[in-house]
N, C-alpha and C. Protein backbone atom coordinates (compact mmCIF):
# COMPACT_ATOMS: atom_id res chain seq x y z
N GLY A 1 -54.16 -15.00 -67.45
CA GLY A 1 -54.70 -13.68 -67.18
C GLY A 1 -53.71 -12.87 -66.36
N SER A 2 -53.82 -11.56 -66.43
CA SER A 2 -52.89 -10.72 -65.72
C SER A 2 -53.45 -10.34 -64.35
N ASN A 3 -54.39 -11.12 -63.89
CA ASN A 3 -55.02 -10.81 -62.60
C ASN A 3 -54.12 -11.29 -61.48
N LYS A 4 -53.44 -10.36 -60.85
CA LYS A 4 -52.55 -10.74 -59.77
C LYS A 4 -53.38 -11.06 -58.53
N GLN A 5 -53.11 -12.19 -57.95
CA GLN A 5 -53.93 -12.57 -56.81
C GLN A 5 -53.21 -12.22 -55.51
N THR A 6 -53.30 -10.96 -55.15
CA THR A 6 -52.76 -10.54 -53.87
C THR A 6 -53.93 -10.02 -53.06
N ARG A 7 -54.48 -10.89 -52.25
CA ARG A 7 -55.66 -10.51 -51.50
C ARG A 7 -55.29 -9.97 -50.13
N GLU A 8 -54.04 -10.19 -49.73
CA GLU A 8 -53.67 -9.78 -48.37
C GLU A 8 -53.74 -8.27 -48.21
N ASP A 9 -53.17 -7.56 -49.22
CA ASP A 9 -53.03 -6.12 -49.03
C ASP A 9 -54.28 -5.34 -49.43
N GLU A 10 -55.45 -5.95 -49.18
CA GLU A 10 -56.68 -5.26 -49.55
C GLU A 10 -56.94 -4.12 -48.58
N SER A 11 -56.77 -4.40 -47.30
CA SER A 11 -56.98 -3.34 -46.32
C SER A 11 -55.70 -2.54 -46.18
N GLU A 12 -55.73 -1.33 -46.65
CA GLU A 12 -54.53 -0.50 -46.58
C GLU A 12 -54.42 0.13 -45.20
N GLN A 13 -53.27 -0.11 -44.56
CA GLN A 13 -53.06 0.53 -43.27
C GLN A 13 -52.64 1.97 -43.50
N VAL A 14 -53.34 2.87 -42.88
CA VAL A 14 -52.98 4.27 -43.02
C VAL A 14 -52.36 4.73 -41.70
N ASP A 15 -51.14 5.25 -41.80
CA ASP A 15 -50.49 5.67 -40.56
C ASP A 15 -50.81 7.14 -40.27
N ALA A 16 -50.20 7.67 -39.23
CA ALA A 16 -50.57 8.99 -38.72
C ALA A 16 -50.49 10.08 -39.79
N GLU A 17 -49.50 9.96 -40.66
CA GLU A 17 -49.35 11.00 -41.67
C GLU A 17 -50.42 10.89 -42.76
N GLY A 18 -51.13 9.77 -42.76
CA GLY A 18 -52.15 9.60 -43.77
C GLY A 18 -51.60 9.01 -45.05
N SER A 19 -50.34 8.61 -45.04
CA SER A 19 -49.80 7.98 -46.23
C SER A 19 -50.15 6.51 -46.17
N SER A 20 -50.59 5.97 -47.29
CA SER A 20 -51.08 4.60 -47.27
C SER A 20 -49.95 3.62 -47.55
N GLU A 21 -48.73 4.13 -47.72
CA GLU A 21 -47.63 3.23 -48.00
C GLU A 21 -46.92 2.87 -46.71
N SER A 22 -46.68 1.61 -46.51
CA SER A 22 -46.03 1.19 -45.28
C SER A 22 -44.53 1.38 -45.39
N GLY A 23 -43.89 1.57 -44.26
CA GLY A 23 -42.49 1.91 -44.25
C GLY A 23 -41.58 0.79 -44.72
N ASP A 24 -42.08 -0.44 -44.71
CA ASP A 24 -41.16 -1.52 -45.06
C ASP A 24 -41.12 -1.77 -46.55
N LYS A 25 -41.68 -0.86 -47.32
CA LYS A 25 -41.65 -1.06 -48.77
C LYS A 25 -40.23 -0.98 -49.31
N TYR A 26 -39.32 -0.39 -48.54
CA TYR A 26 -37.93 -0.26 -48.99
C TYR A 26 -37.06 -1.42 -48.53
N ILE A 27 -37.54 -2.18 -47.55
CA ILE A 27 -36.68 -3.19 -46.96
C ILE A 27 -36.35 -4.27 -47.98
N GLY A 28 -35.08 -4.56 -48.12
CA GLY A 28 -34.64 -5.54 -49.10
C GLY A 28 -34.28 -4.93 -50.44
N LYS A 29 -34.57 -3.64 -50.59
CA LYS A 29 -34.24 -2.97 -51.85
C LYS A 29 -32.76 -2.66 -51.93
N TYR A 30 -32.24 -2.74 -53.14
CA TYR A 30 -30.85 -2.34 -53.38
C TYR A 30 -30.82 -0.88 -53.77
N LEU A 31 -29.73 -0.23 -53.43
CA LEU A 31 -29.59 1.17 -53.81
C LEU A 31 -28.13 1.49 -54.07
N LEU A 32 -27.92 2.70 -54.55
CA LEU A 32 -26.58 3.13 -54.90
C LEU A 32 -26.35 4.48 -54.25
N LYS A 33 -25.23 4.62 -53.55
CA LYS A 33 -24.94 5.91 -52.93
C LYS A 33 -23.49 6.31 -53.20
N ARG A 34 -23.30 7.57 -53.51
CA ARG A 34 -21.95 8.04 -53.79
C ARG A 34 -21.25 8.48 -52.52
N PHE A 35 -20.03 7.97 -52.33
CA PHE A 35 -19.15 8.49 -51.30
C PHE A 35 -17.89 8.93 -52.01
N ASP A 36 -17.56 10.19 -51.89
CA ASP A 36 -16.40 10.72 -52.61
C ASP A 36 -16.57 10.42 -54.10
N ASP A 37 -15.66 9.62 -54.65
CA ASP A 37 -15.76 9.38 -56.08
C ASP A 37 -16.25 7.99 -56.42
N ARG A 38 -16.71 7.30 -55.40
CA ARG A 38 -17.17 5.94 -55.65
C ARG A 38 -18.65 5.81 -55.39
N ALA A 39 -19.28 4.94 -56.17
CA ALA A 39 -20.68 4.63 -55.90
C ALA A 39 -20.72 3.27 -55.20
N PHE A 40 -21.35 3.26 -54.04
CA PHE A 40 -21.41 2.02 -53.28
C PHE A 40 -22.78 1.40 -53.40
N LEU A 41 -22.77 0.10 -53.51
CA LEU A 41 -24.01 -0.66 -53.55
C LEU A 41 -24.46 -0.90 -52.12
N GLY A 42 -25.71 -0.68 -51.85
CA GLY A 42 -26.23 -0.90 -50.51
C GLY A 42 -27.56 -1.63 -50.56
N GLN A 43 -27.98 -2.10 -49.40
CA GLN A 43 -29.29 -2.72 -49.29
C GLN A 43 -29.98 -2.21 -48.03
N VAL A 44 -31.27 -1.93 -48.15
CA VAL A 44 -32.05 -1.48 -47.00
C VAL A 44 -32.37 -2.72 -46.15
N VAL A 45 -31.99 -2.67 -44.88
CA VAL A 45 -32.14 -3.87 -44.06
C VAL A 45 -33.21 -3.74 -42.99
N SER A 46 -33.47 -2.53 -42.51
CA SER A 46 -34.50 -2.42 -41.48
C SER A 46 -35.01 -0.99 -41.36
N LEU A 47 -36.11 -0.87 -40.66
CA LEU A 47 -36.75 0.42 -40.48
C LEU A 47 -36.75 0.78 -39.00
N GLN A 48 -36.29 1.99 -38.70
CA GLN A 48 -36.38 2.51 -37.34
C GLN A 48 -37.42 3.62 -37.37
N ALA A 49 -38.48 3.45 -36.62
CA ALA A 49 -39.50 4.48 -36.65
C ALA A 49 -39.82 4.94 -35.24
N ASN A 50 -39.90 6.26 -35.08
CA ASN A 50 -40.47 6.77 -33.84
C ASN A 50 -41.72 7.55 -34.21
N LYS A 51 -42.25 8.33 -33.30
CA LYS A 51 -43.53 8.97 -33.58
C LYS A 51 -43.44 9.97 -34.73
N THR A 52 -42.28 10.60 -34.86
CA THR A 52 -42.20 11.68 -35.83
C THR A 52 -41.44 11.33 -37.10
N GLN A 53 -40.52 10.38 -37.00
CA GLN A 53 -39.66 10.13 -38.15
C GLN A 53 -39.48 8.66 -38.42
N GLN A 54 -39.05 8.38 -39.64
CA GLN A 54 -38.69 7.03 -40.00
C GLN A 54 -37.28 7.06 -40.58
N PHE A 55 -36.48 6.13 -40.13
CA PHE A 55 -35.13 6.00 -40.66
C PHE A 55 -34.94 4.57 -41.14
N TRP A 56 -34.29 4.43 -42.27
CA TRP A 56 -33.98 3.10 -42.77
C TRP A 56 -32.50 2.84 -42.60
N ASP A 57 -32.19 1.65 -42.10
CA ASP A 57 -30.79 1.25 -41.98
C ASP A 57 -30.35 0.65 -43.30
N VAL A 58 -29.23 1.15 -43.81
CA VAL A 58 -28.70 0.68 -45.07
C VAL A 58 -27.31 0.12 -44.85
N VAL A 59 -27.08 -1.10 -45.32
CA VAL A 59 -25.76 -1.72 -45.22
C VAL A 59 -25.11 -1.67 -46.60
N TYR A 60 -23.85 -1.29 -46.62
CA TYR A 60 -23.14 -1.17 -47.90
C TYR A 60 -22.20 -2.34 -48.12
N GLU A 61 -21.76 -2.46 -49.36
CA GLU A 61 -20.95 -3.61 -49.75
C GLU A 61 -19.60 -3.66 -49.04
N ASP A 62 -19.15 -2.52 -48.53
CA ASP A 62 -17.86 -2.54 -47.83
C ASP A 62 -18.03 -2.75 -46.34
N GLY A 63 -19.26 -3.02 -45.90
CA GLY A 63 -19.48 -3.32 -44.49
C GLY A 63 -19.93 -2.12 -43.67
N ASP A 64 -19.91 -0.94 -44.28
CA ASP A 64 -20.42 0.24 -43.60
C ASP A 64 -21.94 0.17 -43.54
N TRP A 65 -22.50 0.93 -42.63
CA TRP A 65 -23.95 1.06 -42.63
C TRP A 65 -24.32 2.43 -42.08
N GLU A 66 -25.51 2.88 -42.42
CA GLU A 66 -25.99 4.15 -41.90
C GLU A 66 -27.51 4.17 -41.94
N SER A 67 -28.06 5.12 -41.22
CA SER A 67 -29.50 5.31 -41.27
C SER A 67 -29.80 6.51 -42.16
N MET A 68 -30.81 6.38 -43.01
CA MET A 68 -31.18 7.51 -43.83
C MET A 68 -32.69 7.70 -43.88
N GLU A 69 -33.08 8.93 -44.14
CA GLU A 69 -34.50 9.23 -44.19
C GLU A 69 -35.05 8.92 -45.57
N GLU A 70 -36.37 8.92 -45.64
CA GLU A 70 -37.04 8.47 -46.87
C GLU A 70 -36.60 9.16 -48.14
N PRO A 71 -36.49 10.51 -48.16
CA PRO A 71 -36.12 11.14 -49.43
C PRO A 71 -34.80 10.62 -49.97
N GLU A 72 -33.86 10.37 -49.05
CA GLU A 72 -32.56 9.90 -49.50
C GLU A 72 -32.63 8.44 -49.95
N VAL A 73 -33.39 7.65 -49.21
CA VAL A 73 -33.56 6.25 -49.60
C VAL A 73 -34.15 6.18 -51.00
N GLN A 74 -35.20 6.96 -51.20
CA GLN A 74 -35.89 7.00 -52.48
C GLN A 74 -34.90 7.38 -53.59
N ASP A 75 -34.12 8.40 -53.30
CA ASP A 75 -33.17 8.92 -54.27
C ASP A 75 -32.14 7.86 -54.65
N CYS A 76 -31.61 7.18 -53.64
CA CYS A 76 -30.57 6.19 -53.90
C CYS A 76 -31.11 4.96 -54.60
N VAL A 77 -32.34 4.58 -54.25
CA VAL A 77 -32.97 3.44 -54.92
C VAL A 77 -33.18 3.77 -56.40
N ARG A 78 -33.66 4.98 -56.65
CA ARG A 78 -33.86 5.42 -58.04
C ARG A 78 -32.55 5.44 -58.81
N ARG A 79 -31.52 5.91 -58.13
CA ARG A 79 -30.23 6.02 -58.77
C ARG A 79 -29.76 4.68 -59.31
N LEU A 80 -30.04 3.64 -58.54
CA LEU A 80 -29.65 2.31 -58.99
C LEU A 80 -30.56 1.85 -60.13
N GLU A 81 -31.85 2.18 -60.01
CA GLU A 81 -32.79 1.75 -61.04
C GLU A 81 -32.49 2.40 -62.38
N TYR A 82 -32.00 3.63 -62.34
CA TYR A 82 -31.72 4.34 -63.58
C TYR A 82 -30.42 3.91 -64.23
N ARG A 83 -29.59 3.22 -63.46
CA ARG A 83 -28.33 2.77 -64.02
C ARG A 83 -28.59 1.73 -65.10
N VAL A 84 -27.93 1.91 -66.23
CA VAL A 84 -28.10 0.93 -67.29
C VAL A 84 -27.42 -0.37 -66.89
N GLN A 85 -26.27 -0.21 -66.28
CA GLN A 85 -25.50 -1.38 -65.91
C GLN A 85 -25.94 -1.89 -64.55
N ARG A 86 -26.35 -3.13 -64.50
CA ARG A 86 -26.74 -3.69 -63.21
C ARG A 86 -25.47 -4.01 -62.41
N PRO A 87 -25.60 -4.03 -61.10
CA PRO A 87 -24.44 -4.43 -60.29
C PRO A 87 -24.09 -5.88 -60.61
N ASN A 88 -22.82 -6.19 -60.67
CA ASN A 88 -22.47 -7.56 -60.99
C ASN A 88 -22.67 -8.48 -59.79
N GLN A 89 -22.69 -9.77 -60.10
CA GLN A 89 -23.01 -10.76 -59.08
C GLN A 89 -22.02 -10.73 -57.92
N GLU A 90 -20.77 -10.47 -58.24
CA GLU A 90 -19.76 -10.45 -57.18
C GLU A 90 -20.10 -9.39 -56.13
N ARG A 91 -20.49 -8.23 -56.62
CA ARG A 91 -20.81 -7.14 -55.68
C ARG A 91 -22.05 -7.48 -54.88
N LEU A 92 -23.03 -8.06 -55.55
CA LEU A 92 -24.25 -8.42 -54.85
C LEU A 92 -23.96 -9.48 -53.79
N LYS A 93 -23.07 -10.40 -54.13
CA LYS A 93 -22.73 -11.46 -53.19
C LYS A 93 -22.00 -10.86 -51.98
N GLN A 94 -21.07 -9.97 -52.27
CA GLN A 94 -20.32 -9.30 -51.23
C GLN A 94 -21.26 -8.53 -50.30
N LEU A 95 -22.19 -7.82 -50.91
CA LEU A 95 -23.16 -7.04 -50.14
C LEU A 95 -24.00 -7.96 -49.27
N ASP A 96 -24.41 -9.08 -49.86
CA ASP A 96 -25.24 -10.02 -49.14
C ASP A 96 -24.52 -10.53 -47.89
N THR A 97 -23.23 -10.80 -48.04
CA THR A 97 -22.43 -11.24 -46.91
C THR A 97 -22.42 -10.19 -45.81
N GLN A 98 -22.23 -8.94 -46.21
CA GLN A 98 -22.21 -7.84 -45.23
C GLN A 98 -23.55 -7.72 -44.52
N VAL A 99 -24.62 -7.88 -45.29
CA VAL A 99 -25.97 -7.77 -44.71
C VAL A 99 -26.19 -8.88 -43.68
N GLN A 100 -25.76 -10.10 -44.05
CA GLN A 100 -25.92 -11.21 -43.11
C GLN A 100 -25.17 -10.94 -41.82
N GLN A 101 -23.95 -10.41 -41.96
CA GLN A 101 -23.15 -10.11 -40.78
C GLN A 101 -23.83 -9.02 -39.95
N TRP A 102 -24.36 -8.04 -40.63
CA TRP A 102 -25.02 -6.93 -39.94
C TRP A 102 -26.20 -7.45 -39.14
N LYS A 103 -26.96 -8.34 -39.78
CA LYS A 103 -28.15 -8.87 -39.11
C LYS A 103 -27.77 -9.77 -37.94
N ALA A 104 -26.60 -10.40 -38.06
CA ALA A 104 -26.17 -11.31 -37.00
C ALA A 104 -25.58 -10.56 -35.82
N THR A 105 -25.33 -9.27 -36.01
CA THR A 105 -24.75 -8.47 -34.94
C THR A 105 -25.85 -7.76 -34.18
N PRO A 106 -26.03 -8.08 -32.91
CA PRO A 106 -27.08 -7.41 -32.14
C PRO A 106 -26.75 -5.94 -31.95
N ARG A 107 -27.76 -5.11 -32.09
CA ARG A 107 -27.54 -3.68 -31.97
C ARG A 107 -28.46 -3.09 -30.90
N GLU A 108 -28.20 -3.44 -29.66
CA GLU A 108 -28.98 -2.83 -28.59
C GLU A 108 -28.29 -1.55 -28.16
N GLU A 109 -28.93 -0.43 -28.42
CA GLU A 109 -28.26 0.82 -28.10
C GLU A 109 -28.48 1.24 -26.65
N GLU A 110 -29.55 0.73 -26.05
CA GLU A 110 -29.87 1.18 -24.69
C GLU A 110 -28.78 0.76 -23.71
N GLU A 111 -28.52 -0.54 -23.65
CA GLU A 111 -27.53 -0.99 -22.69
C GLU A 111 -26.39 -1.66 -23.44
N GLU A 112 -25.20 -1.36 -23.00
CA GLU A 112 -24.06 -2.03 -23.62
C GLU A 112 -23.60 -3.13 -22.69
N GLU A 113 -23.74 -4.34 -23.13
CA GLU A 113 -23.18 -5.42 -22.33
C GLU A 113 -22.29 -6.27 -23.20
N ASP A 114 -21.29 -6.80 -22.60
CA ASP A 114 -20.36 -7.60 -23.36
C ASP A 114 -21.01 -8.90 -23.75
N SER A 115 -21.16 -9.11 -25.05
CA SER A 115 -21.76 -10.35 -25.49
C SER A 115 -20.65 -11.37 -25.69
N GLU A 116 -20.96 -12.60 -25.34
CA GLU A 116 -19.96 -13.65 -25.52
C GLU A 116 -19.77 -13.88 -27.01
N SER A 117 -18.57 -13.64 -27.49
CA SER A 117 -18.33 -13.92 -28.90
C SER A 117 -17.25 -14.98 -28.97
N GLY A 118 -17.47 -15.98 -29.82
CA GLY A 118 -16.40 -16.89 -29.95
C GLY A 118 -16.86 -18.32 -29.84
């Protein structure tokens, strides 16, 4: 049967804006963004939310990362989905490595302290 058994998401959390979609729906998604003449493969790694805005952190295959707002995230995710050609495994692997490194790097913006590396 095609009856999907997802009972967890029965109670929809509605946030202040009244949108029933949670912000982490993008986390883990791959996307494509153009810089100059190149399209870079990226992955949404985390959500930064304050009272008024939500920003998603995106890590790219070359190790860059940035925060972007929902319209742009949506746009870039779609851009990848519309591509006939899927990203090849090498690029996905490369991106995955960058994401792991990004996650392993602590990003405390409030206080800068020298972390022991090595």
